[in-house]
Amino acid sequence: MNTQKAQLKNMVYASLMAALTAAGAYITIPIGPVPITLQVLFIMLAGLLLGGRWGFISIVVYLLAGAAGLPVFAGGTGGIAKFAGPTGGYLIGFALAAFLIGTISEKGKGSILVDIIAVIVGTAVIYAAGVIWLKVVTGMDFVKAINVGIIPFIPGAVIKIAAAIPIARVIRPIINRAG
């Protein structure tokens, strides 16, 4: 495939993943005390399907849309102030996670074990960035920040990881064939 066509294909897929991530913020599954949104599932898929570079770009596009005020974040919110609020660290973690998931997955060349490790690492990065920022903004101690910002979300994270891997394994060959 020529370079220009490959670039266009990557831009289209990155735009699609940014839009799906925004849509995922609106899709809530009420399981347990903490409802699950599908936004992080699409961040995982952005990395797994697009690789480190384009996965990162797709989530940066999503974050820029939110920073510009479009209501693409969880709860239908947006605006630059979201980055300074208690959940700002998670937002930054999204882009880092997509990059790491994609980069690790690319190195694994289709290995399911590497993909599982990639999404676990990416999820850990989201939570680490989120909890650190949550602590800074609210003044909570780390134990409380972990109890508030990670523990309730673990069941949802496990479900998203379990969903992302088979979805990516089905879609990846289709994307690779689409020239």
N, C-alpha and C. Protein backbone atom coordinates (compact mmCIF):
# COMPACT_ATOMS: atom_id res chain seq x y z
N MET A 1 0.85 -1.17 0.00
CA MET A 1 0.00 0.00 0.00
C MET A 1 0.89 1.23 0.00
N ASN A 2 0.56 2.21 -0.84
CA ASN A 2 1.40 3.40 -0.88
C ASN A 2 1.26 4.19 0.42
N THR A 3 2.26 5.01 0.68
CA THR A 3 2.34 5.73 1.95
C THR A 3 1.16 6.66 2.16
N GLN A 4 0.75 7.36 1.12
CA GLN A 4 -0.36 8.30 1.25
C GLN A 4 -1.66 7.57 1.58
N LYS A 5 -1.88 6.43 0.95
CA LYS A 5 -3.09 5.65 1.21
C LYS A 5 -3.04 5.07 2.63
N ALA A 6 -1.87 4.63 3.06
CA ALA A 6 -1.71 4.10 4.42
C ALA A 6 -1.97 5.18 5.46
N GLN A 7 -1.47 6.38 5.20
CA GLN A 7 -1.69 7.51 6.12
C GLN A 7 -3.18 7.82 6.23
N LEU A 8 -3.86 7.86 5.10
CA LEU A 8 -5.29 8.15 5.10
C LEU A 8 -6.04 7.07 5.87
N LYS A 9 -5.71 5.81 5.62
CA LYS A 9 -6.34 4.70 6.33
C LYS A 9 -6.13 4.85 7.84
N ASN A 10 -4.91 5.16 8.26
CA ASN A 10 -4.62 5.32 9.68
C ASN A 10 -5.39 6.49 10.28
N MET A 11 -5.49 7.59 9.54
CA MET A 11 -6.24 8.75 10.04
C MET A 11 -7.72 8.42 10.20
N VAL A 12 -8.27 7.68 9.25
CA VAL A 12 -9.68 7.30 9.33
C VAL A 12 -9.91 6.40 10.54
N TYR A 13 -9.05 5.40 10.72
CA TYR A 13 -9.21 4.50 11.87
C TYR A 13 -9.00 5.23 13.19
N ALA A 14 -8.05 6.15 13.24
CA ALA A 14 -7.82 6.93 14.47
C ALA A 14 -9.03 7.79 14.78
N SER A 15 -9.61 8.40 13.76
CA SER A 15 -10.82 9.21 13.95
C SER A 15 -11.98 8.34 14.44
N LEU A 16 -12.11 7.17 13.85
CA LEU A 16 -13.17 6.24 14.27
C LEU A 16 -13.00 5.84 15.73
N MET A 17 -11.77 5.53 16.14
CA MET A 17 -11.54 5.13 17.53
C MET A 17 -11.78 6.30 18.48
N ALA A 18 -11.44 7.51 18.06
CA ALA A 18 -11.73 8.69 18.90
C ALA A 18 -13.25 8.82 19.08
N ALA A 19 -13.99 8.65 18.00
CA ALA A 19 -15.46 8.75 18.08
C ALA A 19 -16.05 7.63 18.92
N LEU A 20 -15.53 6.42 18.77
CA LEU A 20 -16.03 5.30 19.57
C LEU A 20 -15.71 5.49 21.05
N THR A 21 -14.55 6.06 21.34
CA THR A 21 -14.20 6.34 22.73
C THR A 21 -15.18 7.35 23.32
N ALA A 22 -15.51 8.37 22.55
CA ALA A 22 -16.50 9.36 23.00
C ALA A 22 -17.86 8.70 23.22
N ALA A 23 -18.27 7.86 22.29
CA ALA A 23 -19.55 7.15 22.43
C ALA A 23 -19.52 6.23 23.65
N GLY A 24 -18.37 5.60 23.87
CA GLY A 24 -18.22 4.70 25.01
C GLY A 24 -18.41 5.38 26.35
N ALA A 25 -18.13 6.67 26.41
CA ALA A 25 -18.33 7.42 27.65
C ALA A 25 -19.81 7.52 27.99
N TYR A 26 -20.67 7.36 27.00
CA TYR A 26 -22.12 7.45 27.20
C TYR A 26 -22.76 6.09 27.45
N ILE A 27 -22.04 5.02 27.16
CA ILE A 27 -22.60 3.68 27.32
C ILE A 27 -22.26 3.17 28.71
N THR A 28 -23.28 3.02 29.53
CA THR A 28 -23.09 2.61 30.91
C THR A 28 -23.75 1.26 31.15
N ILE A 29 -23.00 0.37 31.80
CA ILE A 29 -23.52 -0.93 32.18
C ILE A 29 -23.61 -0.93 33.71
N PRO A 30 -24.81 -0.96 34.26
CA PRO A 30 -24.96 -0.86 35.72
C PRO A 30 -24.70 -2.20 36.42
N ILE A 31 -23.43 -2.53 36.58
CA ILE A 31 -23.04 -3.76 37.28
C ILE A 31 -22.43 -3.36 38.61
N GLY A 32 -23.01 -3.83 39.69
CA GLY A 32 -22.45 -3.55 41.01
C GLY A 32 -22.64 -2.09 41.41
N PRO A 33 -21.90 -1.68 42.44
CA PRO A 33 -22.08 -0.33 42.97
C PRO A 33 -21.52 0.77 42.06
N VAL A 34 -20.58 0.41 41.18
CA VAL A 34 -19.97 1.40 40.29
C VAL A 34 -20.33 1.03 38.85
N PRO A 35 -21.10 1.87 38.16
CA PRO A 35 -21.44 1.55 36.77
C PRO A 35 -20.20 1.55 35.89
N ILE A 36 -20.23 0.71 34.88
CA ILE A 36 -19.10 0.58 33.96
C ILE A 36 -19.42 1.36 32.69
N THR A 37 -18.50 2.25 32.28
CA THR A 37 -18.63 2.87 30.97
C THR A 37 -17.68 2.14 30.02
N LEU A 38 -17.96 2.23 28.74
CA LEU A 38 -17.15 1.50 27.76
C LEU A 38 -16.01 2.32 27.18
N GLN A 39 -15.80 3.51 27.69
CA GLN A 39 -14.76 4.37 27.16
C GLN A 39 -13.38 3.70 27.22
N VAL A 40 -13.04 3.08 28.33
CA VAL A 40 -11.71 2.45 28.45
C VAL A 40 -11.60 1.23 27.55
N LEU A 41 -12.70 0.53 27.29
CA LEU A 41 -12.67 -0.58 26.34
C LEU A 41 -12.19 -0.08 24.98
N PHE A 42 -12.69 1.07 24.55
CA PHE A 42 -12.28 1.60 23.25
C PHE A 42 -10.85 2.13 23.27
N ILE A 43 -10.38 2.57 24.42
CA ILE A 43 -8.97 2.97 24.54
C ILE A 43 -8.08 1.74 24.38
N MET A 44 -8.48 0.64 25.02
CA MET A 44 -7.74 -0.62 24.85
C MET A 44 -7.73 -1.04 23.39
N LEU A 45 -8.89 -0.97 22.75
CA LEU A 45 -8.99 -1.37 21.35
C LEU A 45 -8.20 -0.45 20.44
N ALA A 46 -8.14 0.84 20.77
CA ALA A 46 -7.34 1.77 19.96
C ALA A 46 -5.89 1.31 19.94
N GLY A 47 -5.35 0.97 21.08
CA GLY A 47 -3.97 0.50 21.14
C GLY A 47 -3.79 -0.84 20.44
N LEU A 48 -4.67 -1.79 20.74
CA LEU A 48 -4.54 -3.13 20.16
C LEU A 48 -4.71 -3.13 18.65
N LEU A 49 -5.61 -2.32 18.13
CA LEU A 49 -5.92 -2.34 16.70
C LEU A 49 -5.06 -1.39 15.88
N LEU A 50 -4.68 -0.26 16.47
CA LEU A 50 -3.98 0.77 15.69
C LEU A 50 -2.49 0.84 15.99
N GLY A 51 -2.04 0.18 17.04
CA GLY A 51 -0.64 0.26 17.42
C GLY A 51 -0.38 1.47 18.30
N GLY A 52 0.85 1.58 18.75
CA GLY A 52 1.21 2.63 19.70
C GLY A 52 1.00 4.03 19.17
N ARG A 53 1.55 4.30 18.00
CA ARG A 53 1.49 5.67 17.46
C ARG A 53 0.06 6.11 17.17
N TRP A 54 -0.66 5.33 16.38
CA TRP A 54 -2.00 5.74 15.96
C TRP A 54 -3.02 5.55 17.07
N GLY A 55 -2.81 4.60 17.96
CA GLY A 55 -3.67 4.48 19.13
C GLY A 55 -3.56 5.72 19.99
N PHE A 56 -2.33 6.17 20.21
CA PHE A 56 -2.08 7.39 20.97
C PHE A 56 -2.74 8.59 20.30
N ILE A 57 -2.52 8.72 18.99
CA ILE A 57 -3.10 9.85 18.25
C ILE A 57 -4.63 9.84 18.37
N SER A 58 -5.24 8.67 18.26
CA SER A 58 -6.70 8.61 18.34
C SER A 58 -7.21 9.10 19.68
N ILE A 59 -6.52 8.75 20.76
CA ILE A 59 -6.97 9.18 22.08
C ILE A 59 -6.64 10.65 22.32
N VAL A 60 -5.55 11.13 21.76
CA VAL A 60 -5.26 12.57 21.86
C VAL A 60 -6.36 13.37 21.14
N VAL A 61 -6.81 12.89 19.99
CA VAL A 61 -7.92 13.55 19.29
C VAL A 61 -9.16 13.58 20.18
N TYR A 62 -9.46 12.47 20.82
CA TYR A 62 -10.59 12.39 21.76
C TYR A 62 -10.41 13.41 22.89
N LEU A 63 -9.22 13.45 23.48
CA LEU A 63 -8.96 14.38 24.59
C LEU A 63 -9.03 15.84 24.14
N LEU A 64 -8.53 16.13 22.95
CA LEU A 64 -8.61 17.50 22.42
C LEU A 64 -10.07 17.92 22.19
N ALA A 65 -10.88 16.98 21.71
CA ALA A 65 -12.30 17.28 21.53
C ALA A 65 -12.94 17.62 22.88
N GLY A 66 -12.61 16.84 23.89
CA GLY A 66 -13.13 17.12 25.23
C GLY A 66 -12.61 18.43 25.79
N ALA A 67 -11.32 18.68 25.60
CA ALA A 67 -10.72 19.93 26.09
C ALA A 67 -11.35 21.14 25.41
N ALA A 68 -11.76 20.98 24.16
CA ALA A 68 -12.40 22.07 23.42
C ALA A 68 -13.84 22.32 23.88
N GLY A 69 -14.32 21.46 24.76
CA GLY A 69 -15.66 21.66 25.31
C GLY A 69 -16.73 20.72 24.80
N LEU A 70 -16.37 19.86 23.85
CA LEU A 70 -17.37 18.89 23.39
C LEU A 70 -17.68 17.91 24.52
N PRO A 71 -18.92 17.51 24.67
CA PRO A 71 -19.30 16.66 25.81
C PRO A 71 -18.97 15.18 25.57
N VAL A 72 -17.68 14.87 25.49
CA VAL A 72 -17.25 13.52 25.14
C VAL A 72 -16.73 12.72 26.34
N PHE A 73 -16.61 13.35 27.49
CA PHE A 73 -16.12 12.64 28.67
C PHE A 73 -17.29 12.00 29.41
N ALA A 74 -16.97 11.11 30.34
CA ALA A 74 -18.00 10.41 31.11
C ALA A 74 -18.99 11.42 31.69
N GLY A 75 -20.25 11.05 31.65
CA GLY A 75 -21.29 11.93 32.17
C GLY A 75 -21.67 13.04 31.21
N GLY A 76 -21.19 12.96 29.96
CA GLY A 76 -21.52 13.99 28.98
C GLY A 76 -20.88 15.33 29.26
N THR A 77 -19.68 15.29 29.83
CA THR A 77 -18.99 16.53 30.18
C THR A 77 -17.84 16.79 29.21
N GLY A 78 -17.32 17.99 29.28
CA GLY A 78 -16.17 18.39 28.48
C GLY A 78 -15.61 19.68 29.04
N GLY A 79 -14.55 20.15 28.43
CA GLY A 79 -13.93 21.40 28.85
C GLY A 79 -12.56 21.17 29.44
N ILE A 80 -11.72 22.16 29.28
CA ILE A 80 -10.33 22.08 29.75
C ILE A 80 -10.25 21.90 31.26
N ALA A 81 -11.24 22.40 31.98
CA ALA A 81 -11.24 22.29 33.45
C ALA A 81 -11.28 20.84 33.91
N LYS A 82 -11.78 19.93 33.09
CA LYS A 82 -11.81 18.50 33.47
C LYS A 82 -10.40 17.97 33.72
N PHE A 83 -9.41 18.53 33.04
CA PHE A 83 -8.04 18.07 33.21
C PHE A 83 -7.45 18.51 34.55
N ALA A 84 -7.98 19.59 35.11
CA ALA A 84 -7.50 20.09 36.40
C ALA A 84 -8.31 19.51 37.56
N GLY A 85 -9.43 18.86 37.26
CA GLY A 85 -10.28 18.30 38.31
C GLY A 85 -9.79 16.95 38.79
N PRO A 86 -10.53 16.33 39.68
CA PRO A 86 -10.12 15.07 40.29
C PRO A 86 -9.91 13.92 39.30
N THR A 87 -10.57 13.96 38.14
CA THR A 87 -10.42 12.87 37.17
C THR A 87 -9.41 13.19 36.06
N GLY A 88 -8.74 14.32 36.15
CA GLY A 88 -7.79 14.72 35.11
C GLY A 88 -6.67 13.72 34.88
N GLY A 89 -6.20 13.09 35.92
CA GLY A 89 -5.13 12.11 35.78
C GLY A 89 -5.54 10.91 34.95
N TYR A 90 -6.79 10.49 35.12
CA TYR A 90 -7.28 9.38 34.32
C TYR A 90 -7.29 9.76 32.84
N LEU A 91 -7.71 10.98 32.55
CA LEU A 91 -7.75 11.44 31.16
C LEU A 91 -6.36 11.39 30.52
N ILE A 92 -5.36 11.89 31.23
CA ILE A 92 -3.98 11.83 30.72
C ILE A 92 -3.54 10.38 30.60
N GLY A 93 -3.92 9.57 31.57
CA GLY A 93 -3.59 8.15 31.53
C GLY A 93 -4.16 7.44 30.32
N PHE A 94 -5.29 7.93 29.80
CA PHE A 94 -5.90 7.31 28.62
C PHE A 94 -4.92 7.30 27.44
N ALA A 95 -4.32 8.45 27.16
CA ALA A 95 -3.40 8.56 26.02
C ALA A 95 -2.16 7.70 26.24
N LEU A 96 -1.61 7.75 27.45
CA LEU A 96 -0.43 6.94 27.76
C LEU A 96 -0.75 5.46 27.63
N ALA A 97 -1.93 5.07 28.10
CA ALA A 97 -2.34 3.66 28.02
C ALA A 97 -2.46 3.20 26.58
N ALA A 98 -3.10 3.99 25.74
CA ALA A 98 -3.25 3.60 24.33
C ALA A 98 -1.88 3.42 23.68
N PHE A 99 -0.96 4.33 23.99
CA PHE A 99 0.39 4.22 23.44
C PHE A 99 1.08 2.94 23.92
N LEU A 100 1.03 2.69 25.22
CA LEU A 100 1.70 1.50 25.77
C LEU A 100 1.05 0.21 25.29
N ILE A 101 -0.27 0.17 25.30
CA ILE A 101 -0.96 -1.04 24.82
C ILE A 101 -0.56 -1.33 23.38
N GLY A 102 -0.60 -0.31 22.55
CA GLY A 102 -0.24 -0.50 21.14
C GLY A 102 1.20 -0.89 20.94
N THR A 103 2.10 -0.24 21.66
CA THR A 103 3.53 -0.52 21.51
C THR A 103 3.86 -1.94 21.98
N ILE A 104 3.33 -2.32 23.12
CA ILE A 104 3.58 -3.68 23.64
C ILE A 104 2.96 -4.71 22.71
N SER A 105 1.74 -4.48 22.28
CA SER A 105 1.05 -5.41 21.39
C SER A 105 1.81 -5.59 20.07
N GLU A 106 2.31 -4.49 19.51
CA GLU A 106 3.07 -4.58 18.26
C GLU A 106 4.30 -5.47 18.41
N LYS A 107 4.95 -5.37 19.56
CA LYS A 107 6.16 -6.18 19.79
C LYS A 107 5.81 -7.66 19.89
N GLY A 108 4.57 -7.96 20.32
CA GLY A 108 4.13 -9.34 20.47
C GLY A 108 3.72 -10.02 19.19
N LYS A 109 3.58 -9.25 18.12
CA LYS A 109 3.25 -9.78 16.79
C LYS A 109 2.09 -10.79 16.82
N GLY A 110 0.99 -10.40 17.49
CA GLY A 110 -0.20 -11.24 17.48
C GLY A 110 -0.32 -12.22 18.64
N SER A 111 0.63 -12.24 19.54
CA SER A 111 0.58 -13.15 20.68
C SER A 111 -0.55 -12.74 21.63
N ILE A 112 -1.43 -13.68 21.95
CA ILE A 112 -2.53 -13.37 22.86
C ILE A 112 -2.00 -13.03 24.25
N LEU A 113 -0.94 -13.71 24.69
CA LEU A 113 -0.37 -13.42 26.01
C LEU A 113 0.18 -12.00 26.06
N VAL A 114 0.86 -11.58 25.01
CA VAL A 114 1.40 -10.22 24.96
C VAL A 114 0.26 -9.20 24.95
N ASP A 115 -0.80 -9.49 24.21
CA ASP A 115 -1.95 -8.58 24.20
C ASP A 115 -2.58 -8.46 25.59
N ILE A 116 -2.69 -9.57 26.29
CA ILE A 116 -3.24 -9.54 27.66
C ILE A 116 -2.34 -8.69 28.56
N ILE A 117 -1.04 -8.92 28.47
CA ILE A 117 -0.10 -8.12 29.27
C ILE A 117 -0.23 -6.65 28.91
N ALA A 118 -0.35 -6.36 27.62
CA ALA A 118 -0.45 -4.97 27.16
C ALA A 118 -1.65 -4.26 27.77
N VAL A 119 -2.82 -4.90 27.75
CA VAL A 119 -4.01 -4.23 28.29
C VAL A 119 -3.96 -4.13 29.82
N ILE A 120 -3.33 -5.09 30.46
CA ILE A 120 -3.16 -4.99 31.92
C ILE A 120 -2.23 -3.83 32.26
N VAL A 121 -1.13 -3.71 31.53
CA VAL A 121 -0.20 -2.59 31.76
C VAL A 121 -0.90 -1.26 31.47
N GLY A 122 -1.62 -1.19 30.37
CA GLY A 122 -2.34 0.04 30.03
C GLY A 122 -3.36 0.43 31.09
N THR A 123 -4.09 -0.56 31.58
CA THR A 123 -5.08 -0.30 32.63
C THR A 123 -4.39 0.19 33.90
N ALA A 124 -3.27 -0.43 34.24
CA ALA A 124 -2.52 -0.01 35.44
C ALA A 124 -2.04 1.44 35.29
N VAL A 125 -1.63 1.82 34.09
CA VAL A 125 -1.17 3.19 33.84
C VAL A 125 -2.33 4.18 34.03
N ILE A 126 -3.50 3.84 33.52
CA ILE A 126 -4.66 4.72 33.71
C ILE A 126 -4.93 4.93 35.19
N TYR A 127 -4.95 3.83 35.94
CA TYR A 127 -5.24 3.94 37.38
C TYR A 127 -4.13 4.64 38.14
N ALA A 128 -2.89 4.39 37.78
CA ALA A 128 -1.77 5.05 38.47
C ALA A 128 -1.83 6.56 38.25
N ALA A 129 -1.99 6.98 36.99
CA ALA A 129 -2.07 8.41 36.70
C ALA A 129 -3.29 9.02 37.38
N GLY A 130 -4.40 8.30 37.36
CA GLY A 130 -5.62 8.80 37.96
C GLY A 130 -5.53 8.97 39.46
N VAL A 131 -4.98 7.96 40.13
CA VAL A 131 -4.89 8.01 41.59
C VAL A 131 -3.89 9.06 42.05
N ILE A 132 -2.77 9.17 41.36
CA ILE A 132 -1.79 10.19 41.73
C ILE A 132 -2.42 11.58 41.63
N TRP A 133 -3.10 11.84 40.51
CA TRP A 133 -3.73 13.16 40.33
C TRP A 133 -4.88 13.36 41.32
N LEU A 134 -5.66 12.31 41.56
CA LEU A 134 -6.75 12.39 42.53
C LEU A 134 -6.22 12.79 43.91
N LYS A 135 -5.10 12.20 44.30
CA LYS A 135 -4.46 12.52 45.58
C LYS A 135 -4.01 13.98 45.60
N VAL A 136 -3.37 14.41 44.53
CA VAL A 136 -2.86 15.79 44.45
C VAL A 136 -4.01 16.80 44.54
N VAL A 137 -5.05 16.58 43.76
CA VAL A 137 -6.15 17.55 43.68
C VAL A 137 -7.00 17.58 44.95
N THR A 138 -7.24 16.41 45.52
CA THR A 138 -8.16 16.35 46.67
C THR A 138 -7.44 16.38 48.02
N GLY A 139 -6.15 16.08 48.02
CA GLY A 139 -5.42 16.01 49.28
C GLY A 139 -5.63 14.70 50.03
N MET A 140 -6.28 13.72 49.40
CA MET A 140 -6.46 12.41 50.03
C MET A 140 -5.11 11.75 50.24
N ASP A 141 -5.04 10.85 51.23
CA ASP A 141 -3.83 10.03 51.32
C ASP A 141 -3.94 8.93 50.25
N PHE A 142 -2.80 8.27 49.98
CA PHE A 142 -2.78 7.28 48.90
C PHE A 142 -3.75 6.12 49.14
N VAL A 143 -3.86 5.67 50.37
CA VAL A 143 -4.75 4.54 50.65
C VAL A 143 -6.19 4.91 50.30
N LYS A 144 -6.61 6.09 50.72
CA LYS A 144 -7.98 6.52 50.41
C LYS A 144 -8.15 6.73 48.91
N ALA A 145 -7.15 7.32 48.26
CA ALA A 145 -7.23 7.54 46.81
C ALA A 145 -7.35 6.20 46.08
N ILE A 146 -6.62 5.20 46.52
CA ILE A 146 -6.71 3.87 45.91
C ILE A 146 -8.08 3.26 46.16
N ASN A 147 -8.57 3.40 47.40
CA ASN A 147 -9.88 2.86 47.74
C ASN A 147 -11.02 3.53 46.97
N VAL A 148 -10.85 4.79 46.64
CA VAL A 148 -11.87 5.54 45.91
C VAL A 148 -11.66 5.44 44.40
N GLY A 149 -10.40 5.48 43.96
CA GLY A 149 -10.09 5.63 42.54
C GLY A 149 -9.69 4.37 41.80
N ILE A 150 -9.52 3.25 42.51
CA ILE A 150 -9.16 2.00 41.82
C ILE A 150 -10.07 0.85 42.22
N ILE A 151 -10.13 0.57 43.50
CA ILE A 151 -10.79 -0.65 43.99
C ILE A 151 -12.20 -0.84 43.43
N PRO A 152 -13.06 0.18 43.45
CA PRO A 152 -14.42 -0.06 42.94
C PRO A 152 -14.48 -0.36 41.44
N PHE A 153 -13.41 -0.02 40.73
CA PHE A 153 -13.42 -0.15 39.27
C PHE A 153 -12.76 -1.44 38.78
N ILE A 154 -12.18 -2.22 39.68
CA ILE A 154 -11.48 -3.44 39.27
C ILE A 154 -12.40 -4.44 38.55
N PRO A 155 -13.60 -4.74 39.07
CA PRO A 155 -14.45 -5.68 38.33
C PRO A 155 -14.74 -5.23 36.89
N GLY A 156 -15.02 -3.96 36.71
CA GLY A 156 -15.26 -3.44 35.37
C GLY A 156 -14.03 -3.53 34.49
N ALA A 157 -12.87 -3.27 35.07
CA ALA A 157 -11.62 -3.37 34.30
C ALA A 157 -11.39 -4.79 33.83
N VAL A 158 -11.65 -5.75 34.69
CA VAL A 158 -11.47 -7.16 34.32
C VAL A 158 -12.41 -7.52 33.17
N ILE A 159 -13.64 -7.06 33.25
CA ILE A 159 -14.61 -7.33 32.17
C ILE A 159 -14.15 -6.70 30.86
N LYS A 160 -13.66 -5.48 30.92
CA LYS A 160 -13.20 -4.79 29.70
C LYS A 160 -11.97 -5.48 29.10
N ILE A 161 -11.05 -5.91 29.96
CA ILE A 161 -9.88 -6.63 29.47
C ILE A 161 -10.32 -7.92 28.80
N ALA A 162 -11.23 -8.64 29.45
CA ALA A 162 -11.73 -9.91 28.90
C ALA A 162 -12.46 -9.70 27.58
N ALA A 163 -13.08 -8.55 27.39
CA ALA A 163 -13.78 -8.26 26.14
C ALA A 163 -12.83 -7.75 25.06
N ALA A 164 -11.86 -6.93 25.44
CA ALA A 164 -10.98 -6.30 24.45
C ALA A 164 -10.17 -7.31 23.65
N ILE A 165 -9.67 -8.33 24.32
CA ILE A 165 -8.78 -9.28 23.64
C ILE A 165 -9.51 -10.01 22.51
N PRO A 166 -10.64 -10.67 22.76
CA PRO A 166 -11.29 -11.36 21.63
C PRO A 166 -11.82 -10.41 20.55
N ILE A 167 -12.29 -9.24 20.96
CA ILE A 167 -12.75 -8.27 19.96
C ILE A 167 -11.59 -7.88 19.05
N ALA A 168 -10.44 -7.58 19.63
CA ALA A 168 -9.27 -7.19 18.83
C ALA A 168 -8.82 -8.33 17.93
N ARG A 169 -8.88 -9.55 18.42
CA ARG A 169 -8.43 -10.70 17.63
C ARG A 169 -9.34 -10.94 16.43
N VAL A 170 -10.60 -10.56 16.53
CA VAL A 170 -11.52 -10.69 15.40
C VAL A 170 -11.34 -9.53 14.42
N ILE A 171 -11.21 -8.32 14.95
CA ILE A 171 -11.17 -7.12 14.09
C ILE A 171 -9.80 -6.88 13.46
N ARG A 172 -8.73 -7.22 14.16
CA ARG A 172 -7.37 -6.93 13.66
C ARG A 172 -7.14 -7.49 12.25
N PRO A 173 -7.49 -8.75 11.96
CA PRO A 173 -7.26 -9.24 10.59
C PRO A 173 -8.09 -8.49 9.54
N ILE A 174 -9.26 -8.04 9.92
CA ILE A 174 -10.10 -7.28 8.99
C ILE A 174 -9.44 -5.95 8.66
N ILE A 175 -8.93 -5.28 9.69
CA ILE A 175 -8.23 -4.00 9.48
C ILE A 175 -6.98 -4.21 8.63
N ASN A 176 -6.26 -5.27 8.91
CA ASN A 176 -5.02 -5.53 8.16
C ASN A 176 -5.30 -5.85 6.69
N ARG A 177 -6.44 -6.49 6.42
CA ARG A 177 -6.81 -6.81 5.03
C ARG A 177 -7.31 -5.58 4.28
N ALA A 178 -7.92 -4.65 5.01
CA ALA A 178 -8.50 -3.47 4.37
C ALA A 178 -7.38 -2.57 3.88
N GLY A 179 -7.05 -2.66 2.66
CA GLY A 179 -5.95 -1.89 2.13
C GLY A 179 -6.43 -0.77 1.36
